[in-house]
């Protein structure tokens, strides 16, 4: 072998049997990281809906305030508000049922509480928009 190639040759050592069986250590996912991931998965679809509900509830509340200021009564608007309240409340109950089935660490996660609070805020806004 020419001398310029000898400098680029890598010497390999033999691997013993005990070295063959050793696998690299993998880092365990922490319990809190798993709970956060599971909580995020649980609220993902609902949170997408909440954004739409918030926008619609603001639109309905604004229309209801205009109705109130003008002294008119629009039954279609009142019905739309009631339908929206019913929809969000059904989702709240379904979400509570889901939460009852998950481990405590996930059920107590802040993502769950934030989602519950957001749904409650939408319902409160809609209820306040209903005529007295």
N, C-alpha and C. Protein backbone atom coordinates (compact mmCIF):
# COMPACT_ATOMS: atom_id res chain seq x y z
N UNK A 1 0.84 -1.16 0.00
CA UNK A 1 0.00 0.00 0.00
C UNK A 1 0.89 1.23 0.00
N UNK A 2 0.59 2.19 -0.86
CA UNK A 2 1.41 3.41 -0.91
C UNK A 2 1.30 4.16 0.41
N UNK A 3 2.33 4.91 0.74
CA UNK A 3 2.39 5.60 2.03
C UNK A 3 1.33 6.67 2.20
N UNK A 4 0.88 7.32 1.12
CA UNK A 4 -0.14 8.37 1.26
C UNK A 4 -1.51 7.77 1.61
N UNK A 5 -1.75 6.51 1.26
CA UNK A 5 -3.01 5.86 1.60
C UNK A 5 -2.99 5.31 3.02
N UNK A 6 -1.81 4.97 3.55
CA UNK A 6 -1.72 4.43 4.90
C UNK A 6 -2.19 5.43 5.94
N UNK A 7 -2.00 6.69 5.70
CA UNK A 7 -2.41 7.69 6.67
C UNK A 7 -3.94 7.83 6.72
N UNK A 8 -4.65 7.39 5.68
CA UNK A 8 -6.10 7.51 5.67
C UNK A 8 -6.80 6.22 6.09
N UNK A 9 -6.07 5.19 6.38
CA UNK A 9 -6.66 3.93 6.81
C UNK A 9 -7.05 4.05 8.28
N UNK A 10 -8.27 3.61 8.58
CA UNK A 10 -8.79 3.64 9.95
C UNK A 10 -8.61 2.25 10.54
N UNK A 11 -8.06 2.21 11.72
CA UNK A 11 -7.89 0.94 12.40
C UNK A 11 -9.14 0.66 13.24
N UNK A 12 -9.75 -0.47 13.05
CA UNK A 12 -10.92 -0.88 13.81
C UNK A 12 -10.50 -1.86 14.87
N UNK A 13 -11.08 -1.76 16.02
CA UNK A 13 -10.78 -2.74 17.06
C UNK A 13 -11.93 -3.72 17.13
N UNK A 14 -11.67 -4.84 17.66
CA UNK A 14 -12.69 -5.86 17.79
C UNK A 14 -13.68 -5.47 18.88
N UNK A 15 -14.94 -5.78 18.62
CA UNK A 15 -15.99 -5.53 19.60
C UNK A 15 -16.19 -6.80 20.39
N UNK A 16 -16.16 -6.67 21.69
CA UNK A 16 -16.35 -7.85 22.54
C UNK A 16 -17.84 -8.16 22.66
N UNK A 17 -18.16 -9.35 23.13
CA UNK A 17 -19.56 -9.77 23.28
C UNK A 17 -20.30 -8.85 24.24
N UNK A 18 -19.69 -8.45 25.32
CA UNK A 18 -20.38 -7.60 26.29
C UNK A 18 -20.68 -6.22 25.70
N UNK A 19 -19.86 -5.72 24.82
CA UNK A 19 -20.10 -4.43 24.17
C UNK A 19 -21.22 -4.52 23.14
N UNK A 20 -21.40 -5.70 22.54
CA UNK A 20 -22.45 -5.87 21.55
C UNK A 20 -23.83 -5.76 22.18
N UNK A 21 -24.00 -6.19 23.39
CA UNK A 21 -25.30 -6.22 24.04
C UNK A 21 -25.71 -4.87 24.63
N UNK A 22 -24.79 -3.98 24.79
CA UNK A 22 -25.10 -2.70 25.40
C UNK A 22 -25.69 -1.76 24.35
N UNK A 23 -26.90 -1.29 24.64
CA UNK A 23 -27.54 -0.32 23.74
C UNK A 23 -27.37 1.06 24.34
N UNK A 24 -27.36 2.06 23.49
CA UNK A 24 -27.26 3.41 24.03
C UNK A 24 -28.48 3.72 24.89
N UNK A 25 -28.25 4.45 25.97
CA UNK A 25 -29.35 4.78 26.88
C UNK A 25 -30.22 5.84 26.24
N UNK A 26 -31.51 5.61 26.32
CA UNK A 26 -32.46 6.59 25.82
C UNK A 26 -33.06 7.32 27.00
N UNK A 27 -33.29 8.58 26.78
CA UNK A 27 -33.82 9.40 27.84
C UNK A 27 -35.32 9.15 27.98
N UNK A 28 -35.76 8.90 29.20
CA UNK A 28 -37.17 8.66 29.47
C UNK A 28 -37.94 9.98 29.40
N UNK A 29 -39.13 9.93 28.84
CA UNK A 29 -39.99 11.10 28.82
C UNK A 29 -40.56 11.28 30.21
N UNK A 30 -40.51 12.50 30.72
CA UNK A 30 -41.01 12.74 32.07
C UNK A 30 -42.52 12.60 32.11
N UNK A 31 -43.04 12.32 33.29
CA UNK A 31 -44.48 12.18 33.48
C UNK A 31 -45.19 13.48 33.11
N UNK A 32 -44.64 14.60 33.53
CA UNK A 32 -45.29 15.88 33.24
C UNK A 32 -45.30 16.17 31.73
N UNK A 33 -44.26 15.77 31.03
CA UNK A 33 -44.23 15.97 29.57
C UNK A 33 -45.28 15.11 28.88
N UNK A 34 -45.43 13.88 29.35
CA UNK A 34 -46.46 12.99 28.78
C UNK A 34 -47.86 13.52 29.07
N UNK A 35 -48.07 14.01 30.30
CA UNK A 35 -49.37 14.57 30.66
C UNK A 35 -49.69 15.80 29.82
N UNK A 36 -48.69 16.65 29.61
CA UNK A 36 -48.89 17.85 28.80
C UNK A 36 -49.24 17.47 27.36
N UNK A 37 -48.56 16.48 26.83
CA UNK A 37 -48.83 16.03 25.46
C UNK A 37 -50.23 15.43 25.36
N UNK A 38 -50.63 14.63 26.35
CA UNK A 38 -51.96 14.02 26.34
C UNK A 38 -53.06 15.07 26.51
N UNK A 39 -52.80 16.05 27.37
CA UNK A 39 -53.78 17.13 27.56
C UNK A 39 -53.94 17.95 26.28
N UNK A 40 -52.84 18.23 25.62
CA UNK A 40 -52.89 18.98 24.36
C UNK A 40 -53.68 18.21 23.31
N UNK A 41 -53.47 16.92 23.25
CA UNK A 41 -54.20 16.08 22.30
C UNK A 41 -55.70 16.09 22.61
N UNK A 42 -56.03 16.09 23.89
CA UNK A 42 -57.43 16.06 24.32
C UNK A 42 -58.17 17.34 23.96
N UNK A 43 -57.51 18.49 24.03
CA UNK A 43 -58.19 19.77 23.80
C UNK A 43 -58.03 20.31 22.38
N UNK A 44 -57.23 19.68 21.56
CA UNK A 44 -56.92 20.23 20.23
C UNK A 44 -58.16 20.54 19.40
N UNK A 45 -59.05 19.58 19.22
CA UNK A 45 -60.24 19.78 18.38
C UNK A 45 -61.18 20.81 18.99
N UNK A 46 -61.33 20.76 20.30
CA UNK A 46 -62.23 21.71 20.97
C UNK A 46 -61.69 23.12 20.85
N UNK A 47 -60.39 23.29 21.00
CA UNK A 47 -59.81 24.63 20.91
C UNK A 47 -59.97 25.22 19.52
N UNK A 48 -59.94 24.38 18.50
CA UNK A 48 -60.21 24.88 17.14
C UNK A 48 -61.63 25.42 17.06
N UNK A 49 -62.57 24.72 17.67
CA UNK A 49 -63.97 25.16 17.67
C UNK A 49 -64.15 26.42 18.52
N UNK A 50 -63.45 26.50 19.63
CA UNK A 50 -63.59 27.65 20.52
C UNK A 50 -63.27 28.95 19.80
N UNK A 51 -62.27 28.95 18.97
CA UNK A 51 -61.93 30.16 18.21
C UNK A 51 -63.10 30.63 17.37
N UNK A 52 -63.76 29.69 16.72
CA UNK A 52 -64.93 30.02 15.90
C UNK A 52 -66.09 30.48 16.78
N UNK A 53 -66.28 29.81 17.91
CA UNK A 53 -67.38 30.18 18.82
C UNK A 53 -67.16 31.57 19.39
N UNK A 54 -65.92 31.88 19.71
CA UNK A 54 -65.64 33.22 20.25
C UNK A 54 -65.97 34.29 19.23
N UNK A 55 -65.56 34.09 18.00
CA UNK A 55 -65.83 35.07 16.95
C UNK A 55 -67.34 35.22 16.73
N UNK A 56 -68.04 34.10 16.68
CA UNK A 56 -69.49 34.15 16.46
C UNK A 56 -70.21 34.76 17.66
N UNK A 57 -69.75 34.46 18.87
CA UNK A 57 -70.40 35.02 20.05
C UNK A 57 -70.21 36.54 20.11
N UNK A 58 -69.08 37.02 19.68
CA UNK A 58 -68.85 38.48 19.63
C UNK A 58 -69.77 39.11 18.59
N UNK A 59 -69.89 38.45 17.43
CA UNK A 59 -70.78 38.96 16.39
C UNK A 59 -72.22 39.01 16.89
N UNK A 60 -72.68 37.93 17.54
CA UNK A 60 -74.05 37.88 18.04
C UNK A 60 -74.27 38.89 19.17
N UNK A 61 -73.30 39.04 20.07
CA UNK A 61 -73.43 40.00 21.16
C UNK A 61 -73.50 41.43 20.62
N UNK A 62 -72.73 41.72 19.61
CA UNK A 62 -72.75 43.05 18.99
C UNK A 62 -74.11 43.31 18.34
N UNK A 63 -74.62 42.32 17.62
CA UNK A 63 -75.93 42.46 16.99
C UNK A 63 -77.03 42.61 18.05
N UNK A 64 -76.92 41.88 19.15
CA UNK A 64 -77.92 41.99 20.22
C UNK A 64 -77.88 43.37 20.87
N UNK A 65 -76.70 43.93 21.03
CA UNK A 65 -76.58 45.27 21.61
C UNK A 65 -77.21 46.31 20.67
N UNK A 66 -77.00 46.17 19.39
CA UNK A 66 -77.63 47.08 18.41
C UNK A 66 -79.15 46.94 18.46
N UNK A 67 -79.62 45.68 18.59
CA UNK A 67 -81.05 45.43 18.69
C UNK A 67 -81.61 46.13 19.94
N UNK A 68 -80.91 46.01 21.04
CA UNK A 68 -81.33 46.62 22.30
C UNK A 68 -81.38 48.15 22.17
N UNK A 69 -80.35 48.73 21.57
CA UNK A 69 -80.27 50.19 21.43
C UNK A 69 -81.36 50.73 20.51
N UNK A 70 -81.73 49.95 19.51
CA UNK A 70 -82.75 50.42 18.57
C UNK A 70 -84.16 50.19 19.10
N UNK A 71 -84.30 49.38 20.14
CA UNK A 71 -85.61 49.09 20.69
C UNK A 71 -86.38 48.03 19.91
N UNK A 72 -85.76 47.43 18.95
CA UNK A 72 -86.40 46.38 18.17
C UNK A 72 -86.20 45.03 18.85
N UNK A 73 -86.99 44.07 18.41
CA UNK A 73 -86.83 42.70 18.88
C UNK A 73 -86.74 41.82 17.65
N UNK A 74 -85.66 41.08 17.52
CA UNK A 74 -85.44 40.20 16.38
C UNK A 74 -85.41 38.76 16.88
N UNK A 75 -86.50 38.03 16.68
CA UNK A 75 -86.56 36.65 17.18
C UNK A 75 -85.49 35.74 16.57
N UNK A 76 -85.11 35.98 15.33
CA UNK A 76 -84.08 35.16 14.69
C UNK A 76 -82.74 35.30 15.39
N UNK A 77 -82.42 36.49 15.82
CA UNK A 77 -81.16 36.73 16.53
C UNK A 77 -81.18 36.05 17.89
N UNK A 78 -82.30 36.19 18.59
CA UNK A 78 -82.43 35.55 19.91
C UNK A 78 -82.32 34.04 19.77
N UNK A 79 -82.95 33.49 18.75
CA UNK A 79 -82.88 32.05 18.51
C UNK A 79 -81.44 31.62 18.19
N UNK A 80 -80.74 32.40 17.38
CA UNK A 80 -79.35 32.08 17.05
C UNK A 80 -78.47 32.06 18.31
N UNK A 81 -78.70 33.01 19.21
CA UNK A 81 -77.94 33.04 20.47
C UNK A 81 -78.26 31.81 21.30
N UNK A 82 -79.54 31.46 21.39
CA UNK A 82 -79.93 30.29 22.19
C UNK A 82 -79.37 28.99 21.61
N UNK A 83 -79.36 28.89 20.30
CA UNK A 83 -78.80 27.70 19.65
C UNK A 83 -77.30 27.60 19.94
N UNK A 84 -76.63 28.72 19.87
CA UNK A 84 -75.18 28.73 20.13
C UNK A 84 -74.89 28.36 21.59
N UNK A 85 -75.68 28.89 22.51
CA UNK A 85 -75.50 28.54 23.93
C UNK A 85 -75.67 27.04 24.10
N UNK A 86 -76.71 26.49 23.50
CA UNK A 86 -76.97 25.06 23.60
C UNK A 86 -75.81 24.23 23.05
N UNK A 87 -75.30 24.65 21.90
CA UNK A 87 -74.17 23.95 21.27
C UNK A 87 -72.94 23.93 22.18
N UNK A 88 -72.58 25.07 22.71
CA UNK A 88 -71.38 25.16 23.55
C UNK A 88 -71.59 24.39 24.86
N UNK A 89 -72.80 24.49 25.43
CA UNK A 89 -73.06 23.76 26.68
C UNK A 89 -73.00 22.25 26.47
N UNK A 90 -73.50 21.77 25.33
CA UNK A 90 -73.39 20.33 25.03
C UNK A 90 -71.93 19.92 24.95
N UNK A 91 -71.11 20.76 24.32
CA UNK A 91 -69.68 20.47 24.21
C UNK A 91 -69.03 20.50 25.60
N UNK A 92 -69.45 21.42 26.45
CA UNK A 92 -68.91 21.47 27.82
C UNK A 92 -69.20 20.16 28.55
N UNK A 93 -70.43 19.67 28.44
CA UNK A 93 -70.79 18.42 29.12
C UNK A 93 -70.03 17.23 28.56
N UNK A 94 -69.88 17.19 27.25
CA UNK A 94 -69.13 16.09 26.62
C UNK A 94 -67.66 16.15 27.05
N UNK A 95 -67.12 17.35 27.15
CA UNK A 95 -65.72 17.52 27.56
C UNK A 95 -65.54 17.08 29.00
N UNK A 96 -66.49 17.44 29.86
CA UNK A 96 -66.42 17.01 31.28
C UNK A 96 -66.46 15.48 31.38
N UNK A 97 -67.25 14.85 30.54
CA UNK A 97 -67.31 13.38 30.54
C UNK A 97 -65.97 12.79 30.09
N UNK A 98 -65.33 13.42 29.11
CA UNK A 98 -64.01 12.96 28.66
C UNK A 98 -62.99 13.11 29.78
N UNK A 99 -63.02 14.23 30.45
CA UNK A 99 -62.05 14.51 31.51
C UNK A 99 -62.19 13.51 32.65
N UNK A 100 -63.42 13.10 32.93
CA UNK A 100 -63.66 12.15 34.02
C UNK A 100 -62.99 10.80 33.75
N UNK A 101 -62.70 10.51 32.50
CA UNK A 101 -62.12 9.22 32.13
C UNK A 101 -60.60 9.22 32.03
N UNK A 102 -59.96 10.39 32.16
CA UNK A 102 -58.51 10.45 32.03
C UNK A 102 -57.85 10.51 33.41
N UNK A 103 -56.58 10.13 33.49
CA UNK A 103 -55.87 10.20 34.77
C UNK A 103 -55.85 11.62 35.34
N UNK A 104 -55.73 11.70 36.65
CA UNK A 104 -55.78 12.98 37.35
C UNK A 104 -54.77 14.01 36.89
N UNK A 105 -53.57 13.58 36.56
CA UNK A 105 -52.55 14.52 36.11
C UNK A 105 -52.93 15.23 34.82
N UNK A 106 -53.60 14.51 33.95
CA UNK A 106 -54.06 15.11 32.70
C UNK A 106 -55.28 15.99 32.97
N UNK A 107 -56.21 15.48 33.77
CA UNK A 107 -57.44 16.22 34.07
C UNK A 107 -57.15 17.54 34.78
N UNK A 108 -56.06 17.62 35.53
CA UNK A 108 -55.73 18.83 36.28
C UNK A 108 -54.76 19.74 35.52
N UNK A 109 -54.42 19.39 34.30
CA UNK A 109 -53.46 20.18 33.53
C UNK A 109 -54.05 21.54 33.18
N UNK A 110 -53.21 22.54 33.10
CA UNK A 110 -53.67 23.91 32.82
C UNK A 110 -54.33 24.03 31.46
N UNK A 111 -53.95 23.20 30.49
CA UNK A 111 -54.60 23.25 29.17
C UNK A 111 -56.08 22.90 29.29
N UNK A 112 -56.38 21.95 30.14
CA UNK A 112 -57.77 21.53 30.36
C UNK A 112 -58.54 22.68 30.99
N UNK A 113 -57.96 23.28 32.03
CA UNK A 113 -58.62 24.40 32.71
C UNK A 113 -58.82 25.59 31.77
N UNK A 114 -57.84 25.87 30.95
CA UNK A 114 -57.95 26.98 29.99
C UNK A 114 -59.09 26.74 29.00
N UNK A 115 -59.23 25.52 28.55
CA UNK A 115 -60.30 25.18 27.61
C UNK A 115 -61.66 25.30 28.28
N UNK A 116 -61.77 24.82 29.51
CA UNK A 116 -63.03 24.94 30.23
C UNK A 116 -63.39 26.41 30.46
N UNK A 117 -62.41 27.19 30.81
CA UNK A 117 -62.64 28.62 31.07
C UNK A 117 -63.06 29.34 29.78
N UNK A 118 -62.44 29.00 28.66
CA UNK A 118 -62.79 29.63 27.38
C UNK A 118 -64.23 29.30 26.98
N UNK A 119 -64.64 28.05 27.18
CA UNK A 119 -66.02 27.69 26.86
C UNK A 119 -67.00 28.43 27.77
N UNK A 120 -66.66 28.53 29.05
CA UNK A 120 -67.52 29.25 29.98
C UNK A 120 -67.64 30.73 29.61
N UNK A 121 -66.56 31.32 29.13
CA UNK A 121 -66.59 32.73 28.73
C UNK A 121 -67.49 32.94 27.51
N UNK A 122 -67.47 31.99 26.59
CA UNK A 122 -68.34 32.10 25.41
C UNK A 122 -69.80 32.04 25.83
N UNK A 123 -70.13 31.10 26.71
CA UNK A 123 -71.51 30.96 27.19
C UNK A 123 -71.93 32.22 27.95
N UNK A 124 -71.06 32.75 28.80
CA UNK A 124 -71.38 33.94 29.58
C UNK A 124 -71.64 35.14 28.65
N UNK A 125 -70.83 35.28 27.63
CA UNK A 125 -71.02 36.39 26.67
C UNK A 125 -72.37 36.27 25.97
N UNK A 126 -72.72 35.05 25.58
CA UNK A 126 -73.99 34.82 24.88
C UNK A 126 -75.17 35.04 25.80
N UNK A 127 -75.07 34.56 27.03
CA UNK A 127 -76.17 34.75 27.98
C UNK A 127 -76.39 36.22 28.29
N UNK A 128 -75.31 36.97 28.37
CA UNK A 128 -75.42 38.42 28.62
C UNK A 128 -76.04 39.13 27.42
N UNK A 129 -75.91 38.56 26.24
CA UNK A 129 -76.46 39.19 25.04
C UNK A 129 -77.95 38.97 24.89
N UNK A 130 -78.48 37.95 25.59
CA UNK A 130 -79.93 37.70 25.48
C UNK A 130 -80.72 38.86 26.08
N UNK A 131 -81.85 39.20 25.47
CA UNK A 131 -82.66 40.27 26.03
C UNK A 131 -83.27 39.81 27.36
N UNK A 132 -83.46 40.76 28.24
CA UNK A 132 -83.98 40.44 29.59
C UNK A 132 -85.44 40.09 29.56
